[in-house]
């Protein structure tokens, strides 16, 4: 983008950067089962170079894009995934797991 004065001379140069927020979702191989219940979780965003922060609802956390976790206690668990792109843009998504006894 260039700014011109009345004589059509370029007086300033303005650089505009546009960064897209990561568009994240959680892919689960299953959402319910009996304990101990193991589930594979994958961050689905189609890009690389991101930071991942999983909160697994049972006091555990992870930082990889794909994880496997085992729930050993019956209950309903809310999973949160926060991702940060290389440009510093953030997105958060959620999923639910039900573990039966």
C-alpha atoms as a PDB file:
ATOM      1  CA  UNK A   1       0.000   0.000   0.000  1.00  0.00           C
ATOM      2  CA  UNK A   2       1.379   3.363  -0.984  1.00  0.00           C
ATOM      3  CA  UNK A   3       0.191   6.822   0.078  1.00  0.00           C
ATOM      4  CA  UNK A   4       0.391   9.590  -2.532  1.00  0.00           C
ATOM      5  CA  UNK A   5       0.144  13.323  -2.059  1.00  0.00           C
ATOM      6  CA  UNK A   6      -1.756  15.709  -4.372  1.00  0.00           C
ATOM      7  CA  UNK A   7       1.130  15.820  -6.890  1.00  0.00           C
ATOM      8  CA  UNK A   8       0.998  11.990  -7.113  1.00  0.00           C
ATOM      9  CA  UNK A   9       4.345  11.615  -5.405  1.00  0.00           C
ATOM     10  CA  UNK A  10       4.779   8.726  -3.052  1.00  0.00           C
ATOM     11  CA  UNK A  11       5.139  10.226   0.383  1.00  0.00           C
ATOM     12  CA  UNK A  12       4.941   7.203   2.649  1.00  0.00           C
ATOM     13  CA  UNK A  13       5.084   3.474   2.430  1.00  0.00           C
ATOM     14  CA  UNK A  14       2.843   1.499   4.724  1.00  0.00           C
ATOM     15  CA  UNK A  15       3.397  -2.228   5.148  1.00  0.00           C
ATOM     16  CA  UNK A  16       0.276  -4.191   6.009  1.00  0.00           C
ATOM     17  CA  UNK A  17       0.574  -7.682   7.426  1.00  0.00           C
ATOM     18  CA  UNK A  18      -2.367 -10.010   7.615  1.00  0.00           C
ATOM     19  CA  UNK A  19      -2.202 -13.166   9.708  1.00  0.00           C
ATOM     20  CA  UNK A  20      -4.944 -15.723   9.751  1.00  0.00           C
ATOM     21  CA  UNK A  21      -5.951 -17.263  13.044  1.00  0.00           C
ATOM     22  CA  UNK A  22      -5.307 -20.985  13.164  1.00  0.00           C
ATOM     23  CA  UNK A  23      -8.514 -22.907  12.525  1.00  0.00           C
ATOM     24  CA  UNK A  24      -8.212 -25.821  14.925  1.00  0.00           C
ATOM     25  CA  UNK A  25     -10.424 -28.799  15.664  1.00  0.00           C
ATOM     26  CA  UNK A  26      -9.946 -31.975  17.684  1.00  0.00           C
ATOM     27  CA  UNK A  27     -10.105 -35.369  16.014  1.00  0.00           C
ATOM     28  CA  UNK A  28     -10.854 -38.230  18.433  1.00  0.00           C
ATOM     29  CA  UNK A  29     -10.838 -41.941  17.583  1.00  0.00           C
ATOM     30  CA  UNK A  30     -13.713 -42.406  20.089  1.00  0.00           C
ATOM     31  CA  UNK A  31     -15.629 -40.256  22.583  1.00  0.00           C
ATOM     32  CA  UNK A  32     -16.866 -42.797  25.137  1.00  0.00           C
ATOM     33  CA  UNK A  33     -15.981 -46.146  26.615  1.00  0.00           C
ATOM     34  CA  UNK A  34     -15.387 -48.135  29.769  1.00  0.00           C
ATOM     35  CA  UNK A  35     -12.461 -47.500  32.085  1.00  0.00           C
ATOM     36  CA  UNK A  36      -9.621 -47.679  31.573  1.00  0.00           C
ATOM     37  CA  UNK A  37     -10.446 -45.776  28.393  1.00  0.00           C
ATOM     38  CA  UNK A  38      -7.647 -44.899  25.949  1.00  0.00           C
ATOM     39  CA  UNK A  39      -8.288 -42.286  23.299  1.00  0.00           C
ATOM     40  CA  UNK A  40      -6.171 -40.885  20.456  1.00  0.00           C
ATOM     41  CA  UNK A  41      -6.440 -37.111  20.063  1.00  0.00           C
ATOM     42  CA  UNK A  42      -5.179 -35.170  17.073  1.00  0.00           C
ATOM     43  CA  UNK A  43      -5.038 -31.438  16.448  1.00  0.00           C
ATOM     44  CA  UNK A  44      -6.575 -30.882  13.032  1.00  0.00           C
ATOM     45  CA  UNK A  45      -5.439 -27.590  11.536  1.00  0.00           C
ATOM     46  CA  UNK A  46      -3.560 -28.383   8.352  1.00  0.00           C
ATOM     47  CA  UNK A  47      -0.502 -26.312   9.204  1.00  0.00           C
ATOM     48  CA  UNK A  48       2.845 -26.751  10.907  1.00  0.00           C
ATOM     49  CA  UNK A  49       4.997 -24.770  13.292  1.00  0.00           C
ATOM     50  CA  UNK A  50       2.281 -24.335  15.887  1.00  0.00           C
ATOM     51  CA  UNK A  51       2.386 -24.574  19.645  1.00  0.00           C
ATOM     52  CA  UNK A  52      -0.189 -26.959  21.137  1.00  0.00           C
ATOM     53  CA  UNK A  53      -1.499 -26.954  24.691  1.00  0.00           C
ATOM     54  CA  UNK A  54      -3.947 -29.706  25.676  1.00  0.00           C
ATOM     55  CA  UNK A  55      -5.893 -29.677  28.948  1.00  0.00           C
ATOM     56  CA  UNK A  56      -7.284 -33.191  29.305  1.00  0.00           C
ATOM     57  CA  UNK A  57      -9.888 -32.622  32.018  1.00  0.00           C
ATOM     58  CA  UNK A  58      -8.377 -35.019  34.553  1.00  0.00           C
ATOM     59  CA  UNK A  59      -5.472 -32.881  35.720  1.00  0.00           C
ATOM     60  CA  UNK A  60      -3.142 -33.929  32.879  1.00  0.00           C
ATOM     61  CA  UNK A  61      -1.760 -31.762  30.083  1.00  0.00           C
ATOM     62  CA  UNK A  62       0.154 -32.352  26.846  1.00  0.00           C
ATOM     63  CA  UNK A  63       1.971 -30.269  24.227  1.00  0.00           C
ATOM     64  CA  UNK A  64       2.203 -32.475  21.124  1.00  0.00           C
ATOM     65  CA  UNK A  65      -0.117 -32.152  18.113  1.00  0.00           C
ATOM     66  CA  UNK A  66      -1.160 -35.823  18.429  1.00  0.00           C
ATOM     67  CA  UNK A  67      -1.462 -37.637  21.734  1.00  0.00           C
ATOM     68  CA  UNK A  68      -2.833 -40.800  23.306  1.00  0.00           C
ATOM     69  CA  UNK A  69      -4.292 -40.584  26.797  1.00  0.00           C
ATOM     70  CA  UNK A  70      -5.860 -43.139  29.136  1.00  0.00           C
ATOM     71  CA  UNK A  71      -8.646 -42.147  31.528  1.00  0.00           C
ATOM     72  CA  UNK A  72      -8.674 -44.443  34.577  1.00  0.00           C
ATOM     73  CA  UNK A  73     -11.660 -42.992  36.468  1.00  0.00           C
ATOM     74  CA  UNK A  74     -15.293 -42.934  35.327  1.00  0.00           C
ATOM     75  CA  UNK A  75     -16.690 -39.493  34.566  1.00  0.00           C
ATOM     76  CA  UNK A  76     -17.243 -36.795  31.966  1.00  0.00           C
ATOM     77  CA  UNK A  77     -14.134 -34.959  30.828  1.00  0.00           C
ATOM     78  CA  UNK A  78     -13.907 -31.669  28.940  1.00  0.00           C
ATOM     79  CA  UNK A  79     -10.826 -31.476  26.721  1.00  0.00           C
ATOM     80  CA  UNK A  80      -9.449 -28.103  25.698  1.00  0.00           C
ATOM     81  CA  UNK A  81      -6.913 -27.525  22.940  1.00  0.00           C
ATOM     82  CA  UNK A  82      -5.193 -24.160  22.520  1.00  0.00           C
ATOM     83  CA  UNK A  83      -2.962 -23.657  19.499  1.00  0.00           C
ATOM     84  CA  UNK A  84      -0.684 -20.741  18.678  1.00  0.00           C
ATOM     85  CA  UNK A  85       0.534 -20.165  15.123  1.00  0.00           C
ATOM     86  CA  UNK A  86       4.074 -19.128  14.218  1.00  0.00           C
ATOM     87  CA  UNK A  87       2.718 -15.547  13.897  1.00  0.00           C
ATOM     88  CA  UNK A  88       1.333 -15.644  17.455  1.00  0.00           C
ATOM     89  CA  UNK A  89      -2.341 -15.992  16.503  1.00  0.00           C
ATOM     90  CA  UNK A  90      -4.422 -18.233  18.790  1.00  0.00           C
ATOM     91  CA  UNK A  91      -7.428 -20.525  18.576  1.00  0.00           C
ATOM     92  CA  UNK A  92      -9.125 -22.709  21.192  1.00  0.00           C
ATOM     93  CA  UNK A  93     -11.511 -25.634  20.776  1.00  0.00           C
ATOM     94  CA  UNK A  94     -13.181 -28.169  23.043  1.00  0.00           C
ATOM     95  CA  UNK A  95     -14.318 -31.810  23.021  1.00  0.00           C
ATOM     96  CA  UNK A  96     -16.012 -34.083  25.549  1.00  0.00           C
ATOM     97  CA  UNK A  97     -15.118 -37.621  26.653  1.00  0.00           C
ATOM     98  CA  UNK A  98     -17.367 -39.923  28.712  1.00  0.00           C
ATOM     99  CA  UNK A  99     -15.776 -42.764  30.660  1.00  0.00           C
ATOM    100  CA  UNK A 100     -18.075 -45.417  32.129  1.00  0.00           C
ATOM    101  CA  UNK A 101     -17.232 -47.805  34.957  1.00  0.00           C
END
